[in-house]
Amino acid sequence: MFSINQINTNVSVGSVKNSKSLGKNEFLKLLITQLENQNPLKPMDNTQFISQMAQFTSLEQTTNLANSFDNFEKDFSSTMQLQAASLVGKEVSAYSNELNVISGKSGTMSFILPKKAMTYVKIFDSKGNVIDIKKLGWIDGGKHSYVWSATNSNGVPVPDGTYTYEVDAIQEDGTQVQLEGVKSGKVSTVKFENGEIYVTVNGVDYSLSNITSISNT
């Protein structure tokens, strides 16, 4: 009596020599070869045959399931790309803590408070050092903007360049929260790179996952 692991044959098995896994086609070829080469005086019993057919059925179902997931992933990716393309020309807001200083003037910081809180803004240089801290006081919940003076804690103007900021808030119940900055603008282009979707707003690329809101205005 033969088993699949015991068969030593060259029948169409060359196709699997370069593969590390046994596919359903190779499994079926081996099963057929087993049936062709079994001892007619001592054929394979039903229990063994049914067991191996069950293995084949399980393998085929697993393969079909994997193919279904692959097709779903491709369809989902295409749908996401089509939806992302429709963002061109729309006003969006995205998380961003970057702050540019140009000709000695700072860009606008924007953030959203979940509720009323004592609010502070920390500004960092390109090396991550805190160069200024501003106390904004008690601010009600909602979207807010702040324009930095582009000077350090000693009042000295900082060089032009890209800085980052952090908004820290202490709510009335004592809860401390750290907020992301928010940038707004119209989407000029949509890009697809390495499986990720990016939108370009005011010349800066943002991952679609960083978009916080979308409007038609």
N, C-alpha and C. Protein backbone atom coordinates (compact mmCIF):
# COMPACT_ATOMS: atom_id res chain seq x y z
N MET A 1 0.86 -1.19 0.00
CA MET A 1 0.00 0.00 0.00
C MET A 1 0.89 1.24 0.00
N PHE A 2 0.53 2.16 -0.84
CA PHE A 2 1.32 3.36 -0.95
C PHE A 2 0.66 4.50 -0.18
N SER A 3 1.45 5.42 0.24
CA SER A 3 0.93 6.70 0.74
C SER A 3 1.60 7.80 -0.04
N ILE A 4 1.05 8.98 -0.02
CA ILE A 4 1.59 10.08 -0.81
C ILE A 4 3.03 10.37 -0.43
N ASN A 5 3.37 10.25 0.85
CA ASN A 5 4.72 10.53 1.29
C ASN A 5 5.71 9.46 0.84
N GLN A 6 5.20 8.25 0.43
CA GLN A 6 6.07 7.15 0.07
C GLN A 6 6.33 7.05 -1.42
N ILE A 7 5.57 7.77 -2.24
CA ILE A 7 5.69 7.64 -3.69
C ILE A 7 7.01 8.22 -4.16
N ASN A 8 7.71 7.46 -4.97
CA ASN A 8 8.96 7.94 -5.55
C ASN A 8 8.82 7.85 -7.05
N THR A 9 8.40 8.92 -7.69
CA THR A 9 8.09 8.90 -9.11
C THR A 9 8.50 10.19 -9.75
N ASN A 10 8.71 10.14 -11.08
CA ASN A 10 9.07 11.34 -11.84
C ASN A 10 7.89 11.89 -12.61
N VAL A 11 6.70 11.36 -12.39
CA VAL A 11 5.54 11.75 -13.17
C VAL A 11 5.13 13.17 -12.85
N SER A 12 5.43 14.09 -13.75
CA SER A 12 4.98 15.49 -13.66
C SER A 12 5.30 16.16 -12.34
N VAL A 13 6.26 15.66 -11.62
CA VAL A 13 6.57 16.24 -10.33
C VAL A 13 7.66 17.31 -10.47
N GLY A 14 8.24 17.39 -11.67
CA GLY A 14 9.29 18.37 -11.88
C GLY A 14 8.82 19.78 -11.63
N SER A 15 7.51 20.00 -11.83
CA SER A 15 6.98 21.35 -11.66
C SER A 15 7.02 21.81 -10.24
N VAL A 16 7.18 20.89 -9.28
CA VAL A 16 7.16 21.29 -7.89
C VAL A 16 8.56 21.30 -7.28
N LYS A 17 9.57 20.97 -8.09
CA LYS A 17 10.91 20.89 -7.54
C LYS A 17 11.41 22.24 -7.08
N ASN A 18 10.98 23.28 -7.77
CA ASN A 18 11.45 24.62 -7.42
C ASN A 18 10.53 25.33 -6.46
N SER A 19 9.54 24.61 -5.94
CA SER A 19 8.57 25.23 -5.04
C SER A 19 8.76 24.69 -3.64
N LYS A 20 8.61 25.56 -2.65
CA LYS A 20 8.76 25.16 -1.26
C LYS A 20 7.45 24.64 -0.67
N SER A 21 6.33 24.83 -1.40
CA SER A 21 5.04 24.38 -0.89
C SER A 21 4.33 23.55 -1.95
N LEU A 22 3.46 22.66 -1.52
CA LEU A 22 2.74 21.77 -2.41
C LEU A 22 1.37 22.37 -2.73
N GLY A 23 1.14 22.70 -4.02
CA GLY A 23 -0.13 23.27 -4.44
C GLY A 23 -1.15 22.18 -4.69
N LYS A 24 -2.38 22.60 -4.94
CA LYS A 24 -3.45 21.61 -5.11
C LYS A 24 -3.25 20.78 -6.39
N ASN A 25 -2.71 21.39 -7.45
CA ASN A 25 -2.48 20.65 -8.69
C ASN A 25 -1.44 19.56 -8.49
N GLU A 26 -0.34 19.91 -7.79
CA GLU A 26 0.70 18.93 -7.51
C GLU A 26 0.17 17.81 -6.59
N PHE A 27 -0.67 18.20 -5.62
CA PHE A 27 -1.27 17.23 -4.70
C PHE A 27 -2.11 16.22 -5.49
N LEU A 28 -2.91 16.73 -6.45
CA LEU A 28 -3.78 15.87 -7.24
C LEU A 28 -2.96 14.94 -8.13
N LYS A 29 -1.87 15.46 -8.72
CA LYS A 29 -1.00 14.63 -9.56
C LYS A 29 -0.40 13.48 -8.75
N LEU A 30 0.04 13.79 -7.54
CA LEU A 30 0.60 12.75 -6.69
C LEU A 30 -0.44 11.71 -6.31
N LEU A 31 -1.68 12.18 -6.06
CA LEU A 31 -2.74 11.25 -5.68
C LEU A 31 -3.08 10.32 -6.84
N ILE A 32 -3.11 10.90 -8.07
CA ILE A 32 -3.39 10.07 -9.26
C ILE A 32 -2.27 9.07 -9.48
N THR A 33 -1.03 9.54 -9.31
CA THR A 33 0.12 8.65 -9.46
C THR A 33 0.06 7.52 -8.45
N GLN A 34 -0.38 7.83 -7.24
CA GLN A 34 -0.51 6.81 -6.20
C GLN A 34 -1.50 5.74 -6.63
N LEU A 35 -2.64 6.19 -7.20
CA LEU A 35 -3.67 5.24 -7.63
C LEU A 35 -3.17 4.37 -8.79
N GLU A 36 -2.40 4.97 -9.71
CA GLU A 36 -1.89 4.24 -10.87
C GLU A 36 -0.83 3.21 -10.47
N ASN A 37 -0.10 3.49 -9.43
CA ASN A 37 1.03 2.64 -9.04
C ASN A 37 0.74 1.72 -7.86
N GLN A 38 -0.50 1.68 -7.40
CA GLN A 38 -0.77 0.82 -6.27
C GLN A 38 -0.77 -0.65 -6.68
N ASN A 39 -0.55 -1.48 -5.73
CA ASN A 39 -0.53 -2.94 -5.95
C ASN A 39 -1.95 -3.42 -6.16
N PRO A 40 -2.26 -3.95 -7.38
CA PRO A 40 -3.65 -4.40 -7.63
C PRO A 40 -4.09 -5.53 -6.71
N LEU A 41 -3.11 -6.28 -6.17
CA LEU A 41 -3.46 -7.37 -5.25
C LEU A 41 -3.68 -6.86 -3.84
N LYS A 42 -3.26 -5.63 -3.61
CA LYS A 42 -3.42 -5.06 -2.27
C LYS A 42 -3.73 -3.57 -2.43
N PRO A 43 -4.89 -3.27 -2.97
CA PRO A 43 -5.23 -1.85 -3.25
C PRO A 43 -5.39 -1.05 -1.97
N MET A 44 -5.33 0.28 -2.16
CA MET A 44 -5.48 1.19 -1.03
C MET A 44 -6.87 1.05 -0.44
N ASP A 45 -6.98 0.98 0.87
CA ASP A 45 -8.29 0.84 1.49
C ASP A 45 -9.06 2.16 1.46
N ASN A 46 -10.37 2.05 1.64
CA ASN A 46 -11.24 3.23 1.54
C ASN A 46 -10.91 4.31 2.56
N THR A 47 -10.53 3.87 3.75
CA THR A 47 -10.24 4.83 4.82
C THR A 47 -9.09 5.74 4.43
N GLN A 48 -8.03 5.15 3.89
CA GLN A 48 -6.86 5.94 3.49
C GLN A 48 -7.22 6.85 2.32
N PHE A 49 -7.97 6.32 1.35
CA PHE A 49 -8.35 7.12 0.17
C PHE A 49 -9.20 8.32 0.58
N ILE A 50 -10.19 8.08 1.45
CA ILE A 50 -11.06 9.16 1.90
C ILE A 50 -10.27 10.21 2.66
N SER A 51 -9.32 9.74 3.48
CA SER A 51 -8.49 10.67 4.25
C SER A 51 -7.69 11.58 3.33
N GLN A 52 -7.10 11.00 2.27
CA GLN A 52 -6.28 11.81 1.38
C GLN A 52 -7.15 12.73 0.50
N MET A 53 -8.34 12.28 0.13
CA MET A 53 -9.25 13.16 -0.60
C MET A 53 -9.69 14.33 0.27
N ALA A 54 -9.85 14.06 1.56
CA ALA A 54 -10.21 15.14 2.49
C ALA A 54 -9.08 16.16 2.56
N GLN A 55 -7.83 15.67 2.55
CA GLN A 55 -6.69 16.57 2.55
C GLN A 55 -6.69 17.44 1.30
N PHE A 56 -6.99 16.80 0.16
CA PHE A 56 -7.03 17.55 -1.09
C PHE A 56 -8.13 18.61 -1.07
N THR A 57 -9.31 18.23 -0.58
CA THR A 57 -10.43 19.17 -0.50
C THR A 57 -10.09 20.36 0.40
N SER A 58 -9.45 20.07 1.54
CA SER A 58 -9.06 21.14 2.46
C SER A 58 -8.04 22.07 1.81
N LEU A 59 -7.08 21.49 1.07
CA LEU A 59 -6.07 22.29 0.39
C LEU A 59 -6.71 23.17 -0.66
N GLU A 60 -7.66 22.61 -1.42
CA GLU A 60 -8.32 23.38 -2.47
C GLU A 60 -9.12 24.53 -1.88
N GLN A 61 -9.83 24.28 -0.78
CA GLN A 61 -10.62 25.32 -0.13
C GLN A 61 -9.73 26.44 0.40
N THR A 62 -8.58 26.06 0.97
CA THR A 62 -7.63 27.06 1.48
C THR A 62 -7.10 27.91 0.35
N THR A 63 -6.77 27.27 -0.78
CA THR A 63 -6.27 28.01 -1.94
C THR A 63 -7.32 28.97 -2.48
N ASN A 64 -8.55 28.49 -2.59
CA ASN A 64 -9.63 29.35 -3.08
C ASN A 64 -9.88 30.53 -2.15
N LEU A 65 -9.79 30.27 -0.84
CA LEU A 65 -9.99 31.34 0.14
C LEU A 65 -8.89 32.39 0.01
N ALA A 66 -7.65 31.94 -0.18
CA ALA A 66 -6.53 32.87 -0.35
C ALA A 66 -6.72 33.71 -1.61
N ASN A 67 -7.18 33.08 -2.69
CA ASN A 67 -7.42 33.83 -3.93
C ASN A 67 -8.53 34.84 -3.75
N SER A 68 -9.55 34.47 -2.98
CA SER A 68 -10.66 35.40 -2.73
C SER A 68 -10.18 36.63 -1.97
N PHE A 69 -9.30 36.40 -0.98
CA PHE A 69 -8.75 37.53 -0.22
C PHE A 69 -7.90 38.43 -1.11
N ASP A 70 -7.12 37.82 -2.02
CA ASP A 70 -6.30 38.61 -2.94
C ASP A 70 -7.17 39.48 -3.83
N ASN A 71 -8.25 38.90 -4.36
CA ASN A 71 -9.15 39.66 -5.22
C ASN A 71 -9.85 40.77 -4.45
N PHE A 72 -10.24 40.46 -3.20
CA PHE A 72 -10.89 41.48 -2.38
C PHE A 72 -9.96 42.65 -2.11
N GLU A 73 -8.68 42.32 -1.81
CA GLU A 73 -7.70 43.36 -1.53
C GLU A 73 -7.49 44.26 -2.74
N LYS A 74 -7.43 43.67 -3.94
CA LYS A 74 -7.25 44.45 -5.17
C LYS A 74 -8.46 45.34 -5.42
N ASP A 75 -9.66 44.79 -5.26
CA ASP A 75 -10.89 45.57 -5.48
C ASP A 75 -10.99 46.70 -4.47
N PHE A 76 -10.64 46.41 -3.21
CA PHE A 76 -10.73 47.43 -2.17
C PHE A 76 -9.74 48.55 -2.44
N SER A 77 -8.52 48.18 -2.87
CA SER A 77 -7.50 49.19 -3.18
C SER A 77 -7.96 50.08 -4.32
N SER A 78 -8.55 49.48 -5.36
CA SER A 78 -9.03 50.27 -6.50
C SER A 78 -10.14 51.22 -6.09
N THR A 79 -11.04 50.74 -5.23
CA THR A 79 -12.14 51.59 -4.76
C THR A 79 -11.61 52.77 -3.95
N MET A 80 -10.63 52.51 -3.08
CA MET A 80 -10.04 53.57 -2.27
C MET A 80 -9.35 54.62 -3.15
N GLN A 81 -8.68 54.17 -4.20
CA GLN A 81 -8.00 55.10 -5.09
C GLN A 81 -8.99 55.98 -5.83
N LEU A 82 -10.10 55.40 -6.27
CA LEU A 82 -11.13 56.18 -6.96
C LEU A 82 -11.75 57.21 -6.02
N GLN A 83 -12.01 56.81 -4.79
CA GLN A 83 -12.58 57.74 -3.82
C GLN A 83 -11.60 58.85 -3.49
N ALA A 84 -10.31 58.50 -3.35
CA ALA A 84 -9.30 59.50 -3.03
C ALA A 84 -9.16 60.51 -4.16
N ALA A 85 -9.26 60.05 -5.42
CA ALA A 85 -9.13 60.95 -6.56
C ALA A 85 -10.22 62.02 -6.55
N SER A 86 -11.38 61.70 -5.96
CA SER A 86 -12.47 62.67 -5.91
C SER A 86 -12.22 63.80 -4.92
N LEU A 87 -11.12 63.72 -4.13
CA LEU A 87 -10.81 64.76 -3.15
C LEU A 87 -10.18 66.00 -3.78
N VAL A 88 -9.69 65.87 -5.01
CA VAL A 88 -9.04 67.01 -5.66
C VAL A 88 -10.00 68.20 -5.73
N GLY A 89 -9.53 69.36 -5.25
CA GLY A 89 -10.35 70.56 -5.25
C GLY A 89 -11.18 70.76 -4.00
N LYS A 90 -11.19 69.76 -3.11
CA LYS A 90 -11.97 69.87 -1.88
C LYS A 90 -11.12 70.41 -0.73
N GLU A 91 -11.77 71.08 0.19
CA GLU A 91 -11.10 71.62 1.37
C GLU A 91 -10.97 70.51 2.41
N VAL A 92 -9.76 70.29 2.89
CA VAL A 92 -9.54 69.25 3.89
C VAL A 92 -8.70 69.80 5.04
N SER A 93 -8.79 69.12 6.16
CA SER A 93 -7.93 69.41 7.30
C SER A 93 -7.14 68.15 7.61
N ALA A 94 -5.86 68.33 7.93
CA ALA A 94 -5.00 67.18 8.21
C ALA A 94 -4.14 67.45 9.43
N TYR A 95 -3.80 66.37 10.15
CA TYR A 95 -2.91 66.51 11.29
C TYR A 95 -1.50 66.89 10.82
N SER A 96 -0.95 67.93 11.42
CA SER A 96 0.43 68.34 11.10
C SER A 96 0.93 69.27 12.19
N ASN A 97 2.11 68.99 12.72
CA ASN A 97 2.70 69.84 13.76
C ASN A 97 3.89 70.65 13.24
N GLU A 98 3.99 70.74 11.91
CA GLU A 98 5.07 71.53 11.32
C GLU A 98 4.70 73.00 11.29
N LEU A 99 5.72 73.83 11.45
CA LEU A 99 5.53 75.28 11.47
C LEU A 99 6.69 75.93 10.71
N ASN A 100 6.39 76.64 9.67
CA ASN A 100 7.44 77.26 8.86
C ASN A 100 7.61 78.73 9.21
N VAL A 101 8.88 79.14 9.30
CA VAL A 101 9.21 80.55 9.49
C VAL A 101 9.87 81.04 8.20
N ILE A 102 9.25 82.01 7.55
CA ILE A 102 9.73 82.54 6.28
C ILE A 102 9.86 84.06 6.38
N SER A 103 11.05 84.56 6.05
CA SER A 103 11.33 86.00 6.13
C SER A 103 11.01 86.55 7.52
N GLY A 104 11.31 85.74 8.55
CA GLY A 104 11.11 86.18 9.93
C GLY A 104 9.68 86.12 10.42
N LYS A 105 8.78 85.57 9.60
CA LYS A 105 7.38 85.47 10.01
C LYS A 105 6.94 84.02 10.10
N SER A 106 6.19 83.74 11.16
CA SER A 106 5.74 82.38 11.40
C SER A 106 4.40 82.10 10.74
N GLY A 107 4.23 80.84 10.35
CA GLY A 107 2.93 80.41 9.87
C GLY A 107 1.96 80.29 11.04
N THR A 108 0.74 79.95 10.72
CA THR A 108 -0.31 79.86 11.76
C THR A 108 -0.41 78.45 12.33
N MET A 109 -0.48 78.37 13.65
CA MET A 109 -0.73 77.09 14.32
C MET A 109 -2.24 76.94 14.49
N SER A 110 -2.73 75.75 14.23
CA SER A 110 -4.15 75.48 14.44
C SER A 110 -4.30 74.19 15.23
N PHE A 111 -5.30 74.17 16.09
CA PHE A 111 -5.54 72.97 16.90
C PHE A 111 -7.00 72.97 17.33
N ILE A 112 -7.45 71.79 17.76
CA ILE A 112 -8.85 71.64 18.18
C ILE A 112 -8.88 71.16 19.63
N LEU A 113 -9.50 71.96 20.49
CA LEU A 113 -9.67 71.59 21.90
C LEU A 113 -10.98 70.82 22.07
N PRO A 114 -10.94 69.68 22.74
CA PRO A 114 -12.19 68.94 22.96
C PRO A 114 -13.12 69.65 23.93
N LYS A 115 -12.53 70.40 24.89
CA LYS A 115 -13.33 71.17 25.85
C LYS A 115 -12.45 72.28 26.45
N LYS A 116 -13.05 73.13 27.23
CA LYS A 116 -12.33 74.25 27.83
C LYS A 116 -11.10 73.75 28.60
N ALA A 117 -9.96 74.47 28.42
CA ALA A 117 -8.73 74.03 29.07
C ALA A 117 -7.72 75.16 29.15
N MET A 118 -6.83 75.04 30.14
CA MET A 118 -5.66 75.92 30.22
C MET A 118 -4.68 75.40 29.18
N THR A 119 -4.29 76.27 28.25
CA THR A 119 -3.56 75.80 27.06
C THR A 119 -2.17 76.42 26.95
N TYR A 120 -1.20 75.58 26.59
CA TYR A 120 0.18 76.01 26.37
C TYR A 120 0.65 75.52 25.00
N VAL A 121 1.54 76.29 24.39
CA VAL A 121 2.14 75.87 23.12
C VAL A 121 3.65 75.81 23.29
N LYS A 122 4.24 74.68 22.92
CA LYS A 122 5.70 74.53 22.94
C LYS A 122 6.21 74.51 21.51
N ILE A 123 7.29 75.23 21.24
CA ILE A 123 7.89 75.24 19.91
C ILE A 123 9.26 74.58 19.99
N PHE A 124 9.55 73.71 19.03
CA PHE A 124 10.80 72.96 18.99
C PHE A 124 11.59 73.31 17.73
N ASP A 125 12.92 73.31 17.85
CA ASP A 125 13.74 73.51 16.66
C ASP A 125 13.92 72.18 15.94
N SER A 126 14.72 72.17 14.87
CA SER A 126 14.89 70.97 14.05
C SER A 126 15.56 69.83 14.81
N LYS A 127 16.23 70.13 15.94
CA LYS A 127 16.90 69.10 16.73
C LYS A 127 16.02 68.60 17.88
N GLY A 128 14.79 69.13 17.98
CA GLY A 128 13.89 68.69 19.03
C GLY A 128 14.03 69.43 20.33
N ASN A 129 14.80 70.53 20.33
CA ASN A 129 14.96 71.32 21.54
C ASN A 129 13.82 72.32 21.69
N VAL A 130 13.31 72.47 22.92
CA VAL A 130 12.26 73.47 23.17
C VAL A 130 12.90 74.85 23.15
N ILE A 131 12.42 75.72 22.26
CA ILE A 131 13.00 77.06 22.16
C ILE A 131 12.04 78.15 22.65
N ASP A 132 10.78 77.78 22.83
CA ASP A 132 9.83 78.77 23.33
C ASP A 132 8.57 78.07 23.85
N ILE A 133 7.99 78.64 24.90
CA ILE A 133 6.73 78.15 25.45
C ILE A 133 5.79 79.33 25.62
N LYS A 134 4.59 79.22 25.08
CA LYS A 134 3.61 80.29 25.18
C LYS A 134 2.39 79.81 25.98
N LYS A 135 2.01 80.60 26.97
CA LYS A 135 0.80 80.29 27.74
C LYS A 135 -0.36 81.05 27.10
N LEU A 136 -1.32 80.30 26.57
CA LEU A 136 -2.47 80.91 25.91
C LEU A 136 -3.63 81.14 26.87
N GLY A 137 -3.55 80.57 28.07
CA GLY A 137 -4.60 80.76 29.07
C GLY A 137 -5.78 79.82 28.86
N TRP A 138 -6.90 80.16 29.48
CA TRP A 138 -8.10 79.34 29.38
C TRP A 138 -8.78 79.58 28.03
N ILE A 139 -9.01 78.49 27.31
CA ILE A 139 -9.64 78.58 25.98
C ILE A 139 -10.80 77.59 25.92
N ASP A 140 -11.91 78.04 25.37
CA ASP A 140 -13.07 77.16 25.21
C ASP A 140 -12.80 76.08 24.17
N GLY A 141 -13.58 75.02 24.24
CA GLY A 141 -13.44 73.94 23.27
C GLY A 141 -13.76 74.41 21.87
N GLY A 142 -13.13 73.79 20.88
CA GLY A 142 -13.35 74.16 19.48
C GLY A 142 -12.04 74.33 18.75
N LYS A 143 -12.12 74.79 17.50
CA LYS A 143 -10.93 74.99 16.69
C LYS A 143 -10.35 76.37 16.96
N HIS A 144 -9.03 76.44 17.13
CA HIS A 144 -8.36 77.70 17.44
C HIS A 144 -7.08 77.85 16.62
N SER A 145 -6.67 79.10 16.46
CA SER A 145 -5.44 79.40 15.73
C SER A 145 -4.56 80.33 16.56
N TYR A 146 -3.26 80.22 16.34
CA TYR A 146 -2.32 81.07 17.05
C TYR A 146 -1.12 81.35 16.15
N VAL A 147 -0.70 82.62 16.10
CA VAL A 147 0.46 83.00 15.29
C VAL A 147 1.62 83.28 16.23
N TRP A 148 2.66 82.52 16.09
CA TRP A 148 3.85 82.64 16.92
C TRP A 148 4.66 83.88 16.50
N SER A 149 5.36 84.46 17.44
CA SER A 149 6.15 85.66 17.18
C SER A 149 7.46 85.36 16.45
N ALA A 150 7.78 84.08 16.27
CA ALA A 150 9.02 83.66 15.62
C ALA A 150 10.25 84.14 16.39
N THR A 151 10.12 84.14 17.71
CA THR A 151 11.25 84.48 18.58
C THR A 151 11.39 83.39 19.64
N ASN A 152 12.60 83.23 20.18
CA ASN A 152 12.79 82.22 21.21
C ASN A 152 12.35 82.77 22.57
N SER A 153 12.58 82.00 23.62
CA SER A 153 12.11 82.40 24.96
C SER A 153 12.79 83.67 25.46
N ASN A 154 13.92 84.05 24.85
CA ASN A 154 14.61 85.29 25.22
C ASN A 154 14.22 86.48 24.35
N GLY A 155 13.26 86.24 23.44
CA GLY A 155 12.81 87.32 22.57
C GLY A 155 13.68 87.55 21.35
N VAL A 156 14.64 86.64 21.11
CA VAL A 156 15.54 86.76 19.96
C VAL A 156 14.90 86.10 18.74
N PRO A 157 14.84 86.79 17.60
CA PRO A 157 14.26 86.20 16.38
C PRO A 157 14.99 84.91 15.99
N VAL A 158 14.23 83.93 15.57
CA VAL A 158 14.81 82.65 15.17
C VAL A 158 15.07 82.65 13.66
N PRO A 159 16.00 81.81 13.20
CA PRO A 159 16.28 81.73 11.76
C PRO A 159 15.09 81.16 10.99
N ASP A 160 15.00 81.50 9.71
CA ASP A 160 13.97 80.91 8.86
C ASP A 160 14.19 79.40 8.81
N GLY A 161 13.11 78.66 8.68
CA GLY A 161 13.21 77.20 8.60
C GLY A 161 11.94 76.53 9.05
N THR A 162 12.03 75.23 9.23
CA THR A 162 10.87 74.44 9.65
C THR A 162 11.00 74.07 11.12
N TYR A 163 9.97 74.37 11.88
CA TYR A 163 9.91 74.06 13.31
C TYR A 163 8.71 73.15 13.55
N THR A 164 8.60 72.63 14.75
CA THR A 164 7.42 71.85 15.13
C THR A 164 6.86 72.41 16.43
N TYR A 165 5.62 72.12 16.68
CA TYR A 165 5.00 72.61 17.91
C TYR A 165 4.13 71.54 18.53
N GLU A 166 3.85 71.76 19.81
CA GLU A 166 3.04 70.83 20.60
C GLU A 166 2.07 71.65 21.43
N VAL A 167 0.83 71.23 21.45
CA VAL A 167 -0.19 71.93 22.24
C VAL A 167 -0.54 71.07 23.45
N ASP A 168 -0.30 71.60 24.64
CA ASP A 168 -0.64 70.90 25.89
C ASP A 168 -1.81 71.62 26.56
N ALA A 169 -2.78 70.85 27.01
CA ALA A 169 -3.97 71.44 27.62
C ALA A 169 -4.31 70.73 28.93
N ILE A 170 -4.70 71.50 29.92
CA ILE A 170 -5.15 70.96 31.20
C ILE A 170 -6.61 71.34 31.37
N GLN A 171 -7.48 70.36 31.33
CA GLN A 171 -8.92 70.61 31.42
C GLN A 171 -9.32 70.95 32.84
N GLU A 172 -10.55 71.44 33.00
CA GLU A 172 -11.02 71.91 34.31
C GLU A 172 -11.02 70.81 35.37
N ASP A 173 -11.15 69.55 34.95
CA ASP A 173 -11.14 68.45 35.91
C ASP A 173 -9.73 67.95 36.18
N GLY A 174 -8.73 68.64 35.64
CA GLY A 174 -7.34 68.25 35.86
C GLY A 174 -6.76 67.31 34.83
N THR A 175 -7.58 66.85 33.90
CA THR A 175 -7.10 65.95 32.86
C THR A 175 -6.15 66.68 31.91
N GLN A 176 -4.99 66.06 31.67
CA GLN A 176 -4.00 66.66 30.77
C GLN A 176 -4.05 65.95 29.42
N VAL A 177 -4.10 66.74 28.36
CA VAL A 177 -4.14 66.18 27.01
C VAL A 177 -3.09 66.87 26.14
N GLN A 178 -2.59 66.12 25.16
CA GLN A 178 -1.65 66.67 24.19
C GLN A 178 -2.33 66.62 22.83
N LEU A 179 -2.36 67.75 22.14
CA LEU A 179 -3.14 67.85 20.92
C LEU A 179 -2.26 67.91 19.67
N GLU A 180 -2.79 67.33 18.60
CA GLU A 180 -2.12 67.42 17.30
C GLU A 180 -2.45 68.76 16.66
N GLY A 181 -1.50 69.28 15.90
CA GLY A 181 -1.78 70.48 15.12
C GLY A 181 -2.60 70.12 13.89
N VAL A 182 -3.30 71.08 13.33
CA VAL A 182 -4.15 70.84 12.17
C VAL A 182 -3.85 71.87 11.08
N LYS A 183 -3.70 71.39 9.85
CA LYS A 183 -3.51 72.26 8.69
C LYS A 183 -4.72 72.11 7.79
N SER A 184 -5.12 73.21 7.15
CA SER A 184 -6.27 73.17 6.25
C SER A 184 -5.90 73.76 4.89
N GLY A 185 -6.60 73.31 3.87
CA GLY A 185 -6.37 73.81 2.53
C GLY A 185 -7.03 72.92 1.50
N LYS A 186 -6.94 73.32 0.21
CA LYS A 186 -7.54 72.54 -0.85
C LYS A 186 -6.57 71.50 -1.38
N VAL A 187 -7.11 70.35 -1.72
CA VAL A 187 -6.30 69.27 -2.28
C VAL A 187 -6.00 69.59 -3.74
N SER A 188 -4.71 69.63 -4.08
CA SER A 188 -4.32 69.92 -5.46
C SER A 188 -4.06 68.65 -6.26
N THR A 189 -3.49 67.64 -5.60
CA THR A 189 -3.23 66.36 -6.27
C THR A 189 -3.40 65.20 -5.30
N VAL A 190 -3.56 64.01 -5.87
CA VAL A 190 -3.63 62.78 -5.09
C VAL A 190 -2.55 61.85 -5.62
N LYS A 191 -1.76 61.25 -4.73
CA LYS A 191 -0.66 60.38 -5.13
C LYS A 191 -0.84 58.99 -4.53
N PHE A 192 -0.34 57.98 -5.27
CA PHE A 192 -0.38 56.60 -4.80
C PHE A 192 1.06 56.07 -4.80
N GLU A 193 1.60 55.83 -3.62
CA GLU A 193 2.99 55.38 -3.50
C GLU A 193 3.10 54.25 -2.48
N ASN A 194 3.69 53.14 -2.92
CA ASN A 194 3.94 51.98 -2.04
C ASN A 194 2.69 51.54 -1.28
N GLY A 195 1.58 51.54 -1.98
CA GLY A 195 0.34 51.09 -1.37
C GLY A 195 -0.34 52.11 -0.48
N GLU A 196 0.25 53.30 -0.36
CA GLU A 196 -0.31 54.37 0.47
C GLU A 196 -0.91 55.46 -0.43
N ILE A 197 -1.91 56.15 0.10
CA ILE A 197 -2.54 57.25 -0.62
C ILE A 197 -2.18 58.56 0.07
N TYR A 198 -1.71 59.53 -0.71
CA TYR A 198 -1.33 60.84 -0.18
C TYR A 198 -2.07 61.94 -0.93
N VAL A 199 -2.42 62.99 -0.20
CA VAL A 199 -3.02 64.16 -0.83
C VAL A 199 -2.08 65.34 -0.64
N THR A 200 -2.01 66.21 -1.63
CA THR A 200 -1.14 67.38 -1.56
C THR A 200 -1.97 68.61 -1.23
N VAL A 201 -1.62 69.26 -0.12
CA VAL A 201 -2.32 70.46 0.34
C VAL A 201 -1.28 71.55 0.58
N ASN A 202 -1.42 72.66 -0.12
CA ASN A 202 -0.47 73.78 0.00
C ASN A 202 0.97 73.32 -0.21
N GLY A 203 1.15 72.40 -1.16
CA GLY A 203 2.49 71.93 -1.50
C GLY A 203 3.05 70.87 -0.59
N VAL A 204 2.30 70.43 0.39
CA VAL A 204 2.76 69.41 1.35
C VAL A 204 1.93 68.14 1.19
N ASP A 205 2.60 66.98 1.19
CA ASP A 205 1.91 65.70 1.07
C ASP A 205 1.50 65.17 2.44
N TYR A 206 0.23 64.73 2.54
CA TYR A 206 -0.29 64.16 3.78
C TYR A 206 -0.87 62.78 3.48
N SER A 207 -0.59 61.84 4.38
CA SER A 207 -1.20 60.53 4.25
C SER A 207 -2.71 60.66 4.44
N LEU A 208 -3.45 59.86 3.70
CA LEU A 208 -4.91 59.91 3.80
C LEU A 208 -5.38 59.64 5.23
N SER A 209 -4.61 58.85 5.97
CA SER A 209 -4.98 58.54 7.35
C SER A 209 -4.87 59.76 8.27
N ASN A 210 -4.16 60.81 7.82
CA ASN A 210 -4.01 62.03 8.64
C ASN A 210 -5.10 63.06 8.38
N ILE A 211 -5.97 62.79 7.40
CA ILE A 211 -7.06 63.72 7.10
C ILE A 211 -8.11 63.66 8.21
N THR A 212 -8.46 64.82 8.75
CA THR A 212 -9.43 64.83 9.85
C THR A 212 -10.83 65.26 9.41
N SER A 213 -10.92 66.05 8.35
CA SER A 213 -12.23 66.48 7.87
C SER A 213 -12.16 66.84 6.39
N ILE A 214 -13.30 66.76 5.72
CA ILE A 214 -13.40 67.06 4.29
C ILE A 214 -14.65 67.89 4.06
N SER A 215 -14.52 68.96 3.27
CA SER A 215 -15.70 69.76 2.93
C SER A 215 -15.63 70.11 1.45
N ASN A 216 -16.78 70.50 0.87
CA ASN A 216 -16.84 70.82 -0.54
C ASN A 216 -16.52 72.29 -0.84
N THR A 217 -16.35 73.10 0.25
CA THR A 217 -16.11 74.52 0.02
C THR A 217 -14.63 74.80 -0.14
